[in-house]
Each structure stands twice: as C-alpha cells, then as structure tokens.
Amino acid sequence: MVLAGVTLFCFPSPQRLMDLEDFPGLSGRKPEWLRGIARAALDGRLDPDALRALPRSEAIDQLKRLGGIGDFSAELILLRGAGDHDWAPRYEPRLISAMKLAYDRDHFDDDEVVDITSGWAPYRTWVSLLLRVNLEDSTHGSPARLSANNPLVGQLEGQSSAG
C-alpha cells in the first residue's frame, strides 16, 4: 500500500518469510509452513488471477497441498488473498454463528447453508463479511443490527420484504 508517497507492507514479503527461522508466537511447524507458503508465492502458485481462474474446488485443493493449509485457511486465502467476491466460506464457524444470529435460528445443516448463501450471489463474500461484522458488534455489547425481522435479511434470501 502506498500512503503519503511511502510504500508500506501489510505482511512480510515472500523473500523475507523464506529467511524466517522463528518468530515470537509461532510454535511448532508454523515457521516451516510460512516458508512453504513463501516458496509457493515466489513460484507463482499463489497468483490471485490464476487462483480465481480455476474452479473453486480445484483452487481450494491446490491451496490445501501447501503445508499447514486446511479447508478453513484455503477458503480464506481464496476469498481474501485472491479476492474471490462471490463465495461464502463453508468452513468458517463464525459465519454459521453470524447466520444463526441474523436469521434467529439455533441450527443450520450444510444443505441449508448452501441454499441460503446461494441467494446472496453475486455478493456472497461481502454478505458473509457483513454478517460477521454484525456478529462481532453483538458480542461486544452493541445491539445486533441484523435479525430475521430486518428487511435486509429477506433481501439477502432473494425475497421481497413486506411493507
């Protein structure tokens, strides 16, 4: 990012991560995994355009071949790192919690999650983010802004709201 003419980095460069031996707070194999991810970036395997060009399942499978990357991380790399704007993560437990709050439900099975989130297209990533922000606000003492009675939730489901 360039701010006031100065280039600022939000995350260390892949080359810098390649040199990482250890880092406070990173235990076990995490430094090794970060070096592997850095190598993948340097080799072009994390190219956002290339990842978005693949079918999602193939992109996620490719990401999961990297050490330390499972379903949860692979989806978030695709969503945030590669900028996929129309996908609701399946392995993000906070999204399910946020949906429970917004839809005033105690439970969603996998098919219901797929059905509901498909109605958010083409903005599934952004709706997921909005619902998570709502969840964060509600857990930090702010009243929940979205609920099943909110017209926005009906619009997210593809239904018109009754006036």
N, C-alpha and C. Protein backbone atom coordinates (compact mmCIF):
# COMPACT_ATOMS: atom_id res chain seq x y z
N MET A 1 0.86 -1.14 0.00
CA MET A 1 0.00 0.00 0.00
C MET A 1 0.92 1.22 0.00
N VAL A 2 0.50 2.25 -0.74
CA VAL A 2 1.27 3.50 -0.75
C VAL A 2 0.46 4.53 0.01
N LEU A 3 1.09 5.10 1.04
CA LEU A 3 0.44 6.10 1.88
C LEU A 3 1.36 7.30 1.97
N ALA A 4 0.86 8.44 1.52
CA ALA A 4 1.64 9.68 1.53
C ALA A 4 2.98 9.49 0.81
N GLY A 5 2.93 8.72 -0.30
CA GLY A 5 4.13 8.51 -1.10
C GLY A 5 5.10 7.48 -0.55
N VAL A 6 4.75 6.84 0.56
CA VAL A 6 5.63 5.84 1.17
C VAL A 6 4.98 4.46 1.01
N THR A 7 5.73 3.49 0.52
CA THR A 7 5.22 2.13 0.38
C THR A 7 5.29 1.43 1.73
N LEU A 8 4.12 0.96 2.18
CA LEU A 8 4.02 0.23 3.44
C LEU A 8 3.59 -1.20 3.13
N PHE A 9 4.16 -2.16 3.82
CA PHE A 9 3.81 -3.55 3.62
C PHE A 9 2.97 -4.03 4.79
N CYS A 10 1.84 -4.67 4.46
CA CYS A 10 0.95 -5.19 5.49
C CYS A 10 1.42 -6.55 5.98
N PHE A 11 2.24 -7.19 5.22
CA PHE A 11 2.71 -8.53 5.55
C PHE A 11 4.11 -8.65 4.98
N PRO A 12 5.00 -9.39 5.62
CA PRO A 12 6.36 -9.52 5.09
C PRO A 12 6.37 -10.10 3.67
N SER A 13 7.35 -9.72 2.90
CA SER A 13 7.48 -10.24 1.53
C SER A 13 7.78 -11.74 1.59
N PRO A 14 7.48 -12.46 0.51
CA PRO A 14 7.81 -13.89 0.49
C PRO A 14 9.30 -14.14 0.73
N GLN A 15 10.16 -13.29 0.16
CA GLN A 15 11.59 -13.49 0.37
C GLN A 15 11.96 -13.35 1.85
N ARG A 16 11.34 -12.40 2.51
CA ARG A 16 11.61 -12.23 3.95
C ARG A 16 11.13 -13.44 4.75
N LEU A 17 9.96 -13.98 4.36
CA LEU A 17 9.45 -15.17 5.04
C LEU A 17 10.34 -16.38 4.79
N MET A 18 10.96 -16.44 3.61
CA MET A 18 11.87 -17.57 3.31
C MET A 18 13.02 -17.61 4.31
N ASP A 19 13.42 -16.45 4.79
CA ASP A 19 14.54 -16.37 5.74
C ASP A 19 14.11 -16.57 7.19
N LEU A 20 12.83 -16.73 7.43
CA LEU A 20 12.30 -16.84 8.79
C LEU A 20 12.70 -18.17 9.43
N GLU A 21 13.38 -18.11 10.53
CA GLU A 21 13.72 -19.31 11.29
C GLU A 21 12.72 -19.53 12.43
N ASP A 22 12.44 -18.44 13.14
CA ASP A 22 11.43 -18.50 14.19
C ASP A 22 10.90 -17.09 14.37
N PHE A 23 9.80 -17.02 15.09
CA PHE A 23 9.15 -15.74 15.31
C PHE A 23 8.35 -15.86 16.60
N PRO A 24 8.42 -14.86 17.47
CA PRO A 24 7.64 -14.95 18.72
C PRO A 24 6.16 -15.20 18.44
N GLY A 25 5.61 -16.19 19.09
CA GLY A 25 4.20 -16.52 18.92
C GLY A 25 3.96 -17.63 17.92
N LEU A 26 4.96 -17.95 17.11
CA LEU A 26 4.82 -19.06 16.16
C LEU A 26 5.54 -20.27 16.72
N SER A 27 4.78 -21.31 16.97
CA SER A 27 5.37 -22.51 17.56
C SER A 27 5.28 -23.67 16.59
N GLY A 28 5.94 -24.75 16.95
CA GLY A 28 5.86 -25.97 16.16
C GLY A 28 6.34 -25.78 14.74
N ARG A 29 5.54 -26.25 13.82
CA ARG A 29 5.90 -26.23 12.40
C ARG A 29 5.47 -24.97 11.67
N LYS A 30 4.87 -24.02 12.37
CA LYS A 30 4.35 -22.82 11.70
C LYS A 30 5.42 -22.04 10.92
N PRO A 31 6.62 -21.83 11.46
CA PRO A 31 7.63 -21.15 10.63
C PRO A 31 7.95 -21.93 9.35
N GLU A 32 8.02 -23.24 9.45
CA GLU A 32 8.26 -24.09 8.27
C GLU A 32 7.14 -23.91 7.25
N TRP A 33 5.90 -23.91 7.73
CA TRP A 33 4.76 -23.74 6.84
C TRP A 33 4.77 -22.37 6.18
N LEU A 34 5.11 -21.34 6.95
CA LEU A 34 5.20 -20.00 6.35
C LEU A 34 6.26 -19.95 5.26
N ARG A 35 7.38 -20.62 5.48
CA ARG A 35 8.41 -20.67 4.43
C ARG A 35 7.88 -21.39 3.20
N GLY A 36 7.10 -22.44 3.39
CA GLY A 36 6.50 -23.16 2.27
C GLY A 36 5.52 -22.29 1.50
N ILE A 37 4.74 -21.50 2.23
CA ILE A 37 3.80 -20.58 1.57
C ILE A 37 4.57 -19.49 0.82
N ALA A 38 5.66 -19.02 1.43
CA ALA A 38 6.50 -18.03 0.75
C ALA A 38 7.07 -18.62 -0.54
N ARG A 39 7.53 -19.86 -0.49
CA ARG A 39 8.06 -20.53 -1.69
C ARG A 39 6.97 -20.62 -2.75
N ALA A 40 5.75 -20.98 -2.34
CA ALA A 40 4.63 -21.06 -3.29
C ALA A 40 4.36 -19.71 -3.93
N ALA A 41 4.44 -18.65 -3.15
CA ALA A 41 4.22 -17.29 -3.69
C ALA A 41 5.32 -16.95 -4.70
N LEU A 42 6.56 -17.25 -4.35
CA LEU A 42 7.67 -16.95 -5.26
C LEU A 42 7.60 -17.78 -6.54
N ASP A 43 7.05 -18.98 -6.44
CA ASP A 43 6.90 -19.86 -7.60
C ASP A 43 5.66 -19.53 -8.43
N GLY A 44 4.84 -18.57 -7.98
CA GLY A 44 3.63 -18.18 -8.72
C GLY A 44 2.41 -19.02 -8.42
N ARG A 45 2.49 -19.90 -7.43
CA ARG A 45 1.34 -20.76 -7.11
C ARG A 45 0.26 -20.06 -6.30
N LEU A 46 0.52 -18.82 -5.87
CA LEU A 46 -0.49 -18.03 -5.14
C LEU A 46 -0.95 -16.82 -5.94
N ASP A 47 -0.73 -16.87 -7.24
CA ASP A 47 -1.14 -15.76 -8.10
C ASP A 47 -2.66 -15.60 -8.04
N PRO A 48 -3.15 -14.42 -7.62
CA PRO A 48 -4.60 -14.25 -7.47
C PRO A 48 -5.38 -14.50 -8.75
N ASP A 49 -4.90 -14.00 -9.88
CA ASP A 49 -5.63 -14.20 -11.14
C ASP A 49 -5.71 -15.68 -11.50
N ALA A 50 -4.59 -16.39 -11.31
CA ALA A 50 -4.57 -17.82 -11.64
C ALA A 50 -5.51 -18.60 -10.72
N LEU A 51 -5.51 -18.27 -9.43
CA LEU A 51 -6.40 -18.96 -8.49
C LEU A 51 -7.86 -18.69 -8.81
N ARG A 52 -8.20 -17.44 -9.15
CA ARG A 52 -9.60 -17.11 -9.48
C ARG A 52 -10.03 -17.76 -10.79
N ALA A 53 -9.08 -18.04 -11.69
CA ALA A 53 -9.41 -18.64 -12.98
C ALA A 53 -9.77 -20.12 -12.85
N LEU A 54 -9.32 -20.74 -11.77
CA LEU A 54 -9.61 -22.16 -11.55
C LEU A 54 -11.02 -22.34 -11.00
N PRO A 55 -11.64 -23.50 -11.24
CA PRO A 55 -12.87 -23.80 -10.49
C PRO A 55 -12.54 -23.75 -8.99
N ARG A 56 -13.47 -23.25 -8.17
CA ARG A 56 -13.19 -23.07 -6.74
C ARG A 56 -12.67 -24.33 -6.09
N SER A 57 -13.29 -25.46 -6.38
CA SER A 57 -12.86 -26.70 -5.73
C SER A 57 -11.42 -27.02 -6.09
N GLU A 58 -11.02 -26.77 -7.33
CA GLU A 58 -9.64 -27.03 -7.74
C GLU A 58 -8.67 -26.05 -7.07
N ALA A 59 -9.06 -24.78 -7.00
CA ALA A 59 -8.20 -23.79 -6.33
C ALA A 59 -8.02 -24.15 -4.87
N ILE A 60 -9.09 -24.56 -4.21
CA ILE A 60 -9.00 -24.93 -2.79
C ILE A 60 -8.13 -26.17 -2.63
N ASP A 61 -8.30 -27.16 -3.50
CA ASP A 61 -7.45 -28.35 -3.43
C ASP A 61 -5.98 -28.00 -3.63
N GLN A 62 -5.71 -27.10 -4.56
CA GLN A 62 -4.33 -26.67 -4.81
C GLN A 62 -3.75 -25.99 -3.57
N LEU A 63 -4.52 -25.13 -2.94
CA LEU A 63 -4.05 -24.45 -1.74
C LEU A 63 -3.82 -25.42 -0.59
N LYS A 64 -4.67 -26.43 -0.48
CA LYS A 64 -4.55 -27.40 0.61
C LYS A 64 -3.33 -28.29 0.47
N ARG A 65 -2.69 -28.30 -0.69
CA ARG A 65 -1.45 -29.06 -0.85
C ARG A 65 -0.28 -28.37 -0.15
N LEU A 66 -0.46 -27.11 0.23
CA LEU A 66 0.58 -26.38 0.96
C LEU A 66 0.55 -26.82 2.42
N GLY A 67 1.70 -26.99 3.02
CA GLY A 67 1.78 -27.40 4.41
C GLY A 67 1.07 -26.41 5.33
N GLY A 68 0.27 -26.93 6.25
CA GLY A 68 -0.41 -26.09 7.23
C GLY A 68 -1.70 -25.48 6.74
N ILE A 69 -2.10 -25.76 5.51
CA ILE A 69 -3.32 -25.17 4.95
C ILE A 69 -4.39 -26.26 4.87
N GLY A 70 -5.48 -26.04 5.60
CA GLY A 70 -6.63 -26.94 5.55
C GLY A 70 -7.79 -26.23 4.87
N ASP A 71 -8.97 -26.80 5.03
CA ASP A 71 -10.17 -26.23 4.39
C ASP A 71 -10.39 -24.77 4.77
N PHE A 72 -10.36 -24.49 6.07
CA PHE A 72 -10.62 -23.13 6.57
C PHE A 72 -9.66 -22.13 5.94
N SER A 73 -8.36 -22.40 6.03
CA SER A 73 -7.36 -21.45 5.52
C SER A 73 -7.42 -21.35 4.00
N ALA A 74 -7.63 -22.47 3.32
CA ALA A 74 -7.69 -22.44 1.85
C ALA A 74 -8.83 -21.55 1.37
N GLU A 75 -9.99 -21.68 2.01
CA GLU A 75 -11.12 -20.82 1.61
C GLU A 75 -10.81 -19.35 1.85
N LEU A 76 -10.22 -19.03 2.99
CA LEU A 76 -9.95 -17.62 3.29
C LEU A 76 -8.84 -17.05 2.41
N ILE A 77 -7.87 -17.88 2.03
CA ILE A 77 -6.85 -17.40 1.08
C ILE A 77 -7.52 -17.08 -0.25
N LEU A 78 -8.41 -17.94 -0.69
CA LEU A 78 -9.10 -17.70 -1.95
C LEU A 78 -9.99 -16.46 -1.87
N LEU A 79 -10.69 -16.30 -0.75
CA LEU A 79 -11.60 -15.16 -0.61
C LEU A 79 -10.84 -13.85 -0.43
N ARG A 80 -9.92 -13.82 0.52
CA ARG A 80 -9.25 -12.57 0.86
C ARG A 80 -8.01 -12.33 0.04
N GLY A 81 -7.17 -13.35 -0.07
CA GLY A 81 -5.90 -13.18 -0.78
C GLY A 81 -6.07 -13.08 -2.28
N ALA A 82 -6.96 -13.91 -2.83
CA ALA A 82 -7.17 -13.90 -4.28
C ALA A 82 -8.34 -13.01 -4.67
N GLY A 83 -9.11 -12.55 -3.70
CA GLY A 83 -10.19 -11.60 -3.98
C GLY A 83 -11.41 -12.20 -4.66
N ASP A 84 -11.77 -13.45 -4.32
CA ASP A 84 -12.99 -14.04 -4.86
C ASP A 84 -14.17 -13.36 -4.17
N HIS A 85 -14.95 -12.60 -4.91
CA HIS A 85 -16.01 -11.77 -4.31
C HIS A 85 -17.35 -12.48 -4.17
N ASP A 86 -17.45 -13.71 -4.65
CA ASP A 86 -18.77 -14.35 -4.62
C ASP A 86 -18.68 -15.78 -4.10
N TRP A 87 -18.26 -15.92 -2.85
CA TRP A 87 -18.23 -17.24 -2.24
C TRP A 87 -18.43 -17.09 -0.75
N ALA A 88 -19.28 -17.91 -0.19
CA ALA A 88 -19.48 -17.93 1.26
C ALA A 88 -18.68 -19.11 1.80
N PRO A 89 -17.75 -18.85 2.71
CA PRO A 89 -16.91 -19.94 3.19
C PRO A 89 -17.72 -21.00 3.93
N ARG A 90 -17.46 -22.26 3.63
CA ARG A 90 -18.17 -23.38 4.25
C ARG A 90 -17.55 -23.79 5.57
N TYR A 91 -16.28 -23.47 5.76
CA TYR A 91 -15.55 -23.96 6.94
C TYR A 91 -15.22 -22.82 7.91
N GLU A 92 -15.98 -21.76 7.88
CA GLU A 92 -15.77 -20.60 8.74
C GLU A 92 -16.84 -20.64 9.82
N PRO A 93 -16.55 -21.17 11.01
CA PRO A 93 -17.59 -21.33 12.02
C PRO A 93 -18.24 -20.02 12.45
N ARG A 94 -17.52 -18.92 12.37
CA ARG A 94 -18.13 -17.64 12.77
C ARG A 94 -19.22 -17.21 11.80
N LEU A 95 -19.11 -17.63 10.53
CA LEU A 95 -20.18 -17.30 9.59
C LEU A 95 -21.46 -18.01 10.00
N ILE A 96 -21.37 -19.27 10.40
CA ILE A 96 -22.57 -20.00 10.83
C ILE A 96 -23.16 -19.34 12.07
N SER A 97 -22.32 -18.94 13.01
CA SER A 97 -22.80 -18.23 14.20
C SER A 97 -23.48 -16.93 13.80
N ALA A 98 -22.90 -16.22 12.85
CA ALA A 98 -23.49 -14.96 12.39
C ALA A 98 -24.83 -15.19 11.70
N MET A 99 -24.91 -16.28 10.94
CA MET A 99 -26.19 -16.60 10.29
C MET A 99 -27.25 -16.94 11.33
N LYS A 100 -26.87 -17.69 12.36
CA LYS A 100 -27.82 -18.03 13.42
C LYS A 100 -28.38 -16.76 14.06
N LEU A 101 -27.52 -15.79 14.31
CA LEU A 101 -27.95 -14.53 14.90
C LEU A 101 -28.87 -13.76 13.94
N ALA A 102 -28.45 -13.62 12.70
CA ALA A 102 -29.21 -12.83 11.74
C ALA A 102 -30.56 -13.45 11.39
N TYR A 103 -30.59 -14.77 11.32
CA TYR A 103 -31.82 -15.46 10.93
C TYR A 103 -32.61 -15.97 12.13
N ASP A 104 -32.13 -15.68 13.34
CA ASP A 104 -32.78 -16.08 14.58
C ASP A 104 -33.06 -17.59 14.58
N ARG A 105 -31.99 -18.35 14.34
CA ARG A 105 -32.09 -19.80 14.27
C ARG A 105 -31.07 -20.42 15.22
N ASP A 106 -31.35 -21.63 15.67
CA ASP A 106 -30.42 -22.36 16.54
C ASP A 106 -29.48 -23.26 15.76
N HIS A 107 -29.87 -23.62 14.54
CA HIS A 107 -29.10 -24.61 13.79
C HIS A 107 -29.32 -24.43 12.29
N PHE A 108 -28.27 -24.71 11.53
CA PHE A 108 -28.35 -24.82 10.07
C PHE A 108 -27.62 -26.09 9.68
N ASP A 109 -28.24 -26.91 8.83
CA ASP A 109 -27.47 -28.04 8.30
C ASP A 109 -26.75 -27.56 7.04
N ASP A 110 -25.83 -28.37 6.54
CA ASP A 110 -25.00 -27.95 5.41
C ASP A 110 -25.83 -27.56 4.19
N ASP A 111 -26.87 -28.33 3.89
CA ASP A 111 -27.69 -28.03 2.72
C ASP A 111 -28.39 -26.68 2.87
N GLU A 112 -28.86 -26.37 4.08
CA GLU A 112 -29.50 -25.07 4.31
C GLU A 112 -28.51 -23.92 4.12
N VAL A 113 -27.29 -24.10 4.59
CA VAL A 113 -26.27 -23.06 4.42
C VAL A 113 -26.02 -22.81 2.94
N VAL A 114 -25.86 -23.88 2.17
CA VAL A 114 -25.64 -23.74 0.73
C VAL A 114 -26.83 -23.06 0.08
N ASP A 115 -28.03 -23.47 0.44
CA ASP A 115 -29.24 -22.90 -0.15
C ASP A 115 -29.37 -21.41 0.17
N ILE A 116 -29.18 -21.05 1.42
CA ILE A 116 -29.31 -19.65 1.82
C ILE A 116 -28.22 -18.79 1.20
N THR A 117 -26.98 -19.24 1.28
CA THR A 117 -25.88 -18.42 0.75
C THR A 117 -25.93 -18.31 -0.76
N SER A 118 -26.51 -19.26 -1.45
CA SER A 118 -26.62 -19.15 -2.91
C SER A 118 -27.52 -17.97 -3.28
N GLY A 119 -28.46 -17.62 -2.41
CA GLY A 119 -29.31 -16.47 -2.65
C GLY A 119 -28.60 -15.14 -2.50
N TRP A 120 -27.40 -15.15 -1.97
CA TRP A 120 -26.62 -13.92 -1.80
C TRP A 120 -25.80 -13.57 -3.05
N ALA A 121 -25.75 -14.48 -4.00
CA ALA A 121 -24.95 -14.24 -5.22
C ALA A 121 -25.45 -12.97 -5.90
N PRO A 122 -24.58 -12.20 -6.46
CA PRO A 122 -23.15 -12.40 -6.68
C PRO A 122 -22.27 -11.75 -5.62
N TYR A 123 -22.79 -11.57 -4.42
CA TYR A 123 -22.04 -10.85 -3.38
C TYR A 123 -21.84 -11.68 -2.12
N ARG A 124 -21.69 -12.98 -2.25
CA ARG A 124 -21.63 -13.86 -1.07
C ARG A 124 -20.49 -13.50 -0.12
N THR A 125 -19.34 -13.15 -0.66
CA THR A 125 -18.21 -12.80 0.20
C THR A 125 -18.56 -11.57 1.04
N TRP A 126 -19.15 -10.58 0.42
CA TRP A 126 -19.46 -9.32 1.12
C TRP A 126 -20.59 -9.50 2.12
N VAL A 127 -21.58 -10.30 1.78
CA VAL A 127 -22.66 -10.57 2.74
C VAL A 127 -22.10 -11.34 3.93
N SER A 128 -21.22 -12.29 3.67
CA SER A 128 -20.58 -13.03 4.76
C SER A 128 -19.84 -12.09 5.69
N LEU A 129 -19.12 -11.15 5.11
CA LEU A 129 -18.40 -10.16 5.91
C LEU A 129 -19.36 -9.30 6.72
N LEU A 130 -20.42 -8.83 6.10
CA LEU A 130 -21.41 -8.01 6.80
C LEU A 130 -22.01 -8.77 7.98
N LEU A 131 -22.36 -10.02 7.78
CA LEU A 131 -22.93 -10.81 8.87
C LEU A 131 -21.93 -11.03 9.99
N ARG A 132 -20.66 -11.22 9.64
CA ARG A 132 -19.63 -11.39 10.67
C ARG A 132 -19.40 -10.11 11.45
N VAL A 133 -19.46 -8.97 10.79
CA VAL A 133 -19.34 -7.68 11.49
C VAL A 133 -20.51 -7.53 12.46
N ASN A 134 -21.69 -7.90 12.01
CA ASN A 134 -22.86 -7.85 12.87
C ASN A 134 -22.67 -8.74 14.10
N LEU A 135 -22.13 -9.94 13.88
CA LEU A 135 -21.86 -10.85 15.00
C LEU A 135 -20.85 -10.24 15.96
N GLU A 136 -19.77 -9.69 15.43
CA GLU A 136 -18.75 -9.07 16.29
C GLU A 136 -19.35 -7.93 17.11
N ASP A 137 -20.16 -7.08 16.45
CA ASP A 137 -20.80 -5.98 17.18
C ASP A 137 -21.69 -6.51 18.30
N SER A 138 -22.43 -7.56 18.03
CA SER A 138 -23.36 -8.07 19.04
C SER A 138 -22.63 -8.73 20.21
N THR A 139 -21.46 -9.31 19.95
CA THR A 139 -20.71 -9.95 21.03
C THR A 139 -19.87 -8.97 21.82
N HIS A 140 -19.76 -7.74 21.35
CA HIS A 140 -19.00 -6.71 22.07
C HIS A 140 -19.92 -5.65 22.69
N GLY A 141 -21.16 -6.05 22.94
CA GLY A 141 -22.06 -5.17 23.68
C GLY A 141 -22.95 -4.29 22.82
N SER A 142 -22.70 -4.20 21.52
CA SER A 142 -23.57 -3.42 20.66
C SER A 142 -24.77 -4.28 20.28
N PRO A 143 -25.93 -3.69 20.17
CA PRO A 143 -27.09 -4.49 19.77
C PRO A 143 -26.92 -5.00 18.34
N ALA A 144 -27.40 -6.20 18.08
CA ALA A 144 -27.33 -6.75 16.73
C ALA A 144 -28.13 -5.88 15.79
N ARG A 145 -27.56 -5.57 14.66
CA ARG A 145 -28.22 -4.72 13.69
C ARG A 145 -29.06 -5.53 12.71
N LEU A 146 -28.71 -6.78 12.51
CA LEU A 146 -29.45 -7.62 11.58
C LEU A 146 -30.16 -8.71 12.36
N SER A 147 -31.38 -8.95 12.02
CA SER A 147 -32.12 -10.05 12.62
C SER A 147 -33.09 -10.57 11.57
N ALA A 148 -33.75 -11.66 11.88
CA ALA A 148 -34.68 -12.26 10.93
C ALA A 148 -35.79 -11.30 10.55
N ASN A 149 -36.10 -10.34 11.42
CA ASN A 149 -37.17 -9.39 11.13
C ASN A 149 -36.69 -8.19 10.32
N ASN A 150 -35.40 -8.11 10.06
CA ASN A 150 -34.84 -7.00 9.31
C ASN A 150 -35.09 -7.24 7.82
N PRO A 151 -35.61 -6.24 7.08
CA PRO A 151 -35.88 -6.43 5.65
C PRO A 151 -34.65 -6.83 4.86
N LEU A 152 -33.46 -6.43 5.30
CA LEU A 152 -32.24 -6.78 4.58
C LEU A 152 -32.05 -8.29 4.54
N VAL A 153 -32.38 -8.99 5.63
CA VAL A 153 -32.22 -10.44 5.64
C VAL A 153 -33.13 -11.06 4.59
N GLY A 154 -34.35 -10.59 4.50
CA GLY A 154 -35.25 -11.08 3.45
C GLY A 154 -34.70 -10.83 2.06
N GLN A 155 -34.07 -9.66 1.86
CA GLN A 155 -33.49 -9.36 0.56
C GLN A 155 -32.29 -10.26 0.28
N LEU A 156 -31.53 -10.59 1.31
CA LEU A 156 -30.39 -11.48 1.13
C LEU A 156 -30.85 -12.86 0.69
N GLU A 157 -32.02 -13.25 1.14
CA GLU A 157 -32.56 -14.56 0.77
C GLU A 157 -33.23 -14.51 -0.59
N GLY A 158 -33.27 -13.33 -1.22
CA GLY A 158 -33.91 -13.21 -2.52
C GLY A 158 -35.40 -13.01 -2.44
N GLN A 159 -35.89 -12.67 -1.26
CA GLN A 159 -37.32 -12.45 -1.08
C GLN A 159 -37.57 -10.96 -0.96
N SER A 160 -38.70 -10.52 -1.40
CA SER A 160 -39.03 -9.11 -1.18
C SER A 160 -39.58 -8.97 0.23
N SER A 161 -39.30 -7.84 0.81
CA SER A 161 -39.79 -7.62 2.18
C SER A 161 -41.19 -7.02 2.14
N ALA A 162 -41.99 -7.46 3.06
CA ALA A 162 -43.35 -6.93 3.15
C ALA A 162 -43.31 -5.54 3.76
N GLY A 163 -44.05 -4.63 3.21
CA GLY A 163 -44.03 -3.26 3.71
C GLY A 163 -45.15 -3.02 4.52
